[in-house]
Amino acid sequence: MHELFTKDNPSLRECQAFHESLDQEKSFDVDMLRNVAYLSEEIGEVVSAIRDFKKAEAPSALEAARSQLGEELADCLAYLLKLANYSNVDLQEAYVRKMKRNLGRTWHQPPD
């Protein structure tokens, strides 16, 4: 399971497999709705981290805020990977398929 951390650039599919093993090893809660709630909490932490990032001025404060934001985004990704696992969705495949569809879409910009 921990071989994921020996790779420089693991794929999304490999990250998803890691979380499947981690859930089993750690006996994490696999209830989908509770995990959506946990994800919602993490999104709130992303909002807070973005606020700190936008307020940071000194280079050291900016780097610390960027690091914290990265950790909160990683937590969100972890929950997305877990939810994909619980529903047997290959998230890498779903993402690529959806982005291919989005290439042909047109989004209307809101008026100024």
C-alpha atoms as a PDB file:
ATOM      1  CA  MET A   1       0.000   0.000   0.000  1.00  0.00           C
ATOM      2  CA  HIS A   2       2.728   2.476   0.885  1.00  0.00           C
ATOM      3  CA  GLU A   3       4.556   2.007  -2.419  1.00  0.00           C
ATOM      4  CA  LEU A   4       2.512   4.971  -3.649  1.00  0.00           C
ATOM      5  CA  PHE A   5       4.956   7.213  -1.786  1.00  0.00           C
ATOM      6  CA  THR A   6       7.951   5.891  -3.696  1.00  0.00           C
ATOM      7  CA  LYS A   7       6.607   7.332  -6.965  1.00  0.00           C
ATOM      8  CA  ASP A   8       7.204  10.905  -8.081  1.00  0.00           C
ATOM      9  CA  ASN A   9       3.893  11.252  -9.904  1.00  0.00           C
ATOM     10  CA  PRO A  10       1.325   8.612  -8.946  1.00  0.00           C
ATOM     11  CA  SER A  11      -1.768   8.493 -11.131  1.00  0.00           C
ATOM     12  CA  LEU A  12      -5.204   9.329  -9.827  1.00  0.00           C
ATOM     13  CA  ARG A  13      -6.053   5.643 -10.201  1.00  0.00           C
ATOM     14  CA  GLU A  14      -3.088   4.711  -7.998  1.00  0.00           C
ATOM     15  CA  CYS A  15      -4.158   7.272  -5.392  1.00  0.00           C
ATOM     16  CA  GLN A  16      -7.651   5.802  -5.447  1.00  0.00           C
ATOM     17  CA  ALA A  17      -6.237   2.303  -4.882  1.00  0.00           C
ATOM     18  CA  PHE A  18      -4.153   3.648  -1.997  1.00  0.00           C
ATOM     19  CA  HIS A  19      -7.272   4.990  -0.289  1.00  0.00           C
ATOM     20  CA  GLU A  20      -9.080   1.706  -0.745  1.00  0.00           C
ATOM     21  CA  SER A  21      -6.247  -0.050   1.098  1.00  0.00           C
ATOM     22  CA  LEU A  22      -5.971   2.687   3.713  1.00  0.00           C
ATOM     23  CA  ASP A  23      -9.682   2.484   4.533  1.00  0.00           C
ATOM     24  CA  GLN A  24      -9.340  -1.247   5.106  1.00  0.00           C
ATOM     25  CA  GLU A  25      -6.120  -0.968   7.108  1.00  0.00           C
ATOM     26  CA  LYS A  26      -7.417   1.816   9.368  1.00  0.00           C
ATOM     27  CA  SER A  27     -11.077   0.644   9.481  1.00  0.00           C
ATOM     28  CA  PHE A  28     -12.242   4.088   8.391  1.00  0.00           C
ATOM     29  CA  ASP A  29     -15.922   4.949   8.191  1.00  0.00           C
ATOM     30  CA  VAL A  30     -17.190   3.932   4.750  1.00  0.00           C
ATOM     31  CA  ASP A  31     -20.682   5.388   5.007  1.00  0.00           C
ATOM     32  CA  MET A  32     -21.087   7.526   1.903  1.00  0.00           C
ATOM     33  CA  LEU A  33     -23.339  10.194   3.387  1.00  0.00           C
ATOM     34  CA  ARG A  34     -21.136  10.690   6.442  1.00  0.00           C
ATOM     35  CA  ASN A  35     -18.123  10.954   4.136  1.00  0.00           C
ATOM     36  CA  VAL A  36     -19.932  13.652   2.149  1.00  0.00           C
ATOM     37  CA  ALA A  37     -20.402  15.469   5.459  1.00  0.00           C
ATOM     38  CA  TYR A  38     -16.684  15.068   6.209  1.00  0.00           C
ATOM     39  CA  LEU A  39     -15.901  16.421   2.727  1.00  0.00           C
ATOM     40  CA  SER A  40     -18.161  19.407   3.398  1.00  0.00           C
ATOM     41  CA  GLU A  41     -16.206  20.138   6.565  1.00  0.00           C
ATOM     42  CA  GLU A  42     -12.959  19.982   4.587  1.00  0.00           C
ATOM     43  CA  ILE A  43     -14.372  22.389   1.999  1.00  0.00           C
ATOM     44  CA  GLY A  44     -15.011  24.830   4.834  1.00  0.00           C
ATOM     45  CA  GLU A  45     -11.363  24.467   5.804  1.00  0.00           C
ATOM     46  CA  VAL A  46     -10.380  25.214   2.185  1.00  0.00           C
ATOM     47  CA  VAL A  47     -12.413  28.428   2.340  1.00  0.00           C
ATOM     48  CA  SER A  48     -10.604  29.451   5.523  1.00  0.00           C
ATOM     49  CA  ALA A  49      -7.222  28.585   3.987  1.00  0.00           C
ATOM     50  CA  ILE A  50      -8.040  30.644   0.883  1.00  0.00           C
ATOM     51  CA  ARG A  51      -8.891  33.626   3.059  1.00  0.00           C
ATOM     52  CA  ASP A  52      -5.530  33.292   4.827  1.00  0.00           C
ATOM     53  CA  PHE A  53      -3.767  32.885   1.483  1.00  0.00           C
ATOM     54  CA  LYS A  54      -5.371  36.027   0.067  1.00  0.00           C
ATOM     55  CA  LYS A  55      -4.398  38.039   3.176  1.00  0.00           C
ATOM     56  CA  ALA A  56      -0.780  36.843   3.276  1.00  0.00           C
ATOM     57  CA  GLU A  57       1.720  39.486   2.262  1.00  0.00           C
ATOM     58  CA  ALA A  58       5.176  38.505   3.492  1.00  0.00           C
ATOM     59  CA  PRO A  59       6.831  35.743   1.439  1.00  0.00           C
ATOM     60  CA  SER A  60       7.062  33.442   4.472  1.00  0.00           C
ATOM     61  CA  ALA A  61       3.388  33.998   5.329  1.00  0.00           C
ATOM     62  CA  LEU A  62       2.407  33.411   1.708  1.00  0.00           C
ATOM     63  CA  GLU A  63       4.352  30.144   1.594  1.00  0.00           C
ATOM     64  CA  ALA A  64       2.837  28.965   4.893  1.00  0.00           C
ATOM     65  CA  ALA A  65      -0.658  29.833   3.655  1.00  0.00           C
ATOM     66  CA  ARG A  66      -0.007  28.059   0.338  1.00  0.00           C
ATOM     67  CA  SER A  67       1.168  24.966   2.197  1.00  0.00           C
ATOM     68  CA  GLN A  68      -1.936  24.972   4.424  1.00  0.00           C
ATOM     69  CA  LEU A  69      -4.191  25.428   1.402  1.00  0.00           C
ATOM     70  CA  GLY A  70      -2.469  22.501  -0.308  1.00  0.00           C
ATOM     71  CA  GLU A  71      -3.107  20.294   2.716  1.00  0.00           C
ATOM     72  CA  GLU A  72      -6.791  21.215   2.830  1.00  0.00           C
ATOM     73  CA  LEU A  73      -7.175  20.603  -0.910  1.00  0.00           C
ATOM     74  CA  ALA A  74      -5.443  17.239  -0.464  1.00  0.00           C
ATOM     75  CA  ASP A  75      -7.948  16.358   2.268  1.00  0.00           C
ATOM     76  CA  CYS A  76     -10.786  17.147  -0.155  1.00  0.00           C
ATOM     77  CA  LEU A  77      -9.186  15.002  -2.835  1.00  0.00           C
ATOM     78  CA  ALA A  78      -8.872  12.145  -0.340  1.00  0.00           C
ATOM     79  CA  TYR A  79     -12.602  12.248   0.365  1.00  0.00           C
ATOM     80  CA  LEU A  80     -13.420  12.387  -3.360  1.00  0.00           C
ATOM     81  CA  LEU A  81     -11.240   9.330  -3.924  1.00  0.00           C
ATOM     82  CA  LYS A  82     -12.951   7.520  -1.038  1.00  0.00           C
ATOM     83  CA  LEU A  83     -16.431   8.361  -2.368  1.00  0.00           C
ATOM     84  CA  ALA A  84     -15.408   7.106  -5.799  1.00  0.00           C
ATOM     85  CA  ASN A  85     -14.229   3.866  -4.197  1.00  0.00           C
ATOM     86  CA  TYR A  86     -17.457   3.378  -2.255  1.00  0.00           C
ATOM     87  CA  SER A  87     -19.456   3.685  -5.480  1.00  0.00           C
ATOM     88  CA  ASN A  88     -17.011   1.735  -7.701  1.00  0.00           C
ATOM     89  CA  VAL A  89     -16.307   4.755  -9.899  1.00  0.00           C
ATOM     90  CA  ASP A  90     -12.928   4.899 -11.629  1.00  0.00           C
ATOM     91  CA  LEU A  91     -12.380   8.587 -10.929  1.00  0.00           C
ATOM     92  CA  GLN A  92      -9.519   8.956 -13.397  1.00  0.00           C
ATOM     93  CA  GLU A  93     -11.656   7.531 -16.200  1.00  0.00           C
ATOM     94  CA  ALA A  94     -14.687   9.592 -15.148  1.00  0.00           C
ATOM     95  CA  TYR A  95     -12.610  12.770 -15.004  1.00  0.00           C
ATOM     96  CA  VAL A  96     -11.091  12.275 -18.454  1.00  0.00           C
ATOM     97  CA  ARG A  97     -14.469  11.407 -19.968  1.00  0.00           C
ATOM     98  CA  LYS A  98     -16.119  14.476 -18.389  1.00  0.00           C
ATOM     99  CA  MET A  99     -13.335  16.865 -19.422  1.00  0.00           C
ATOM    100  CA  LYS A 100     -13.542  15.587 -23.006  1.00  0.00           C
ATOM    101  CA  ARG A 101     -17.242  16.454 -22.953  1.00  0.00           C
ATOM    102  CA  ASN A 102     -16.475  19.852 -21.450  1.00  0.00           C
ATOM    103  CA  LEU A 103     -14.111  20.690 -24.314  1.00  0.00           C
ATOM    104  CA  GLY A 104     -17.122  20.925 -26.600  1.00  0.00           C
ATOM    105  CA  ARG A 105     -19.261  22.932 -24.197  1.00  0.00           C
ATOM    106  CA  THR A 106     -19.891  26.642 -24.204  1.00  0.00           C
ATOM    107  CA  TRP A 107     -20.338  28.488 -20.945  1.00  0.00           C
ATOM    108  CA  HIS A 108     -22.258  31.714 -20.857  1.00  0.00           C
ATOM    109  CA  GLN A 109     -20.577  34.449 -18.887  1.00  0.00           C
ATOM    110  CA  PRO A 110     -22.756  36.365 -16.438  1.00  0.00           C
ATOM    111  CA  PRO A 111     -23.349  39.989 -17.378  1.00  0.00           C
ATOM    112  CA  ASP A 112     -21.088  42.559 -15.713  1.00  0.00           C
END
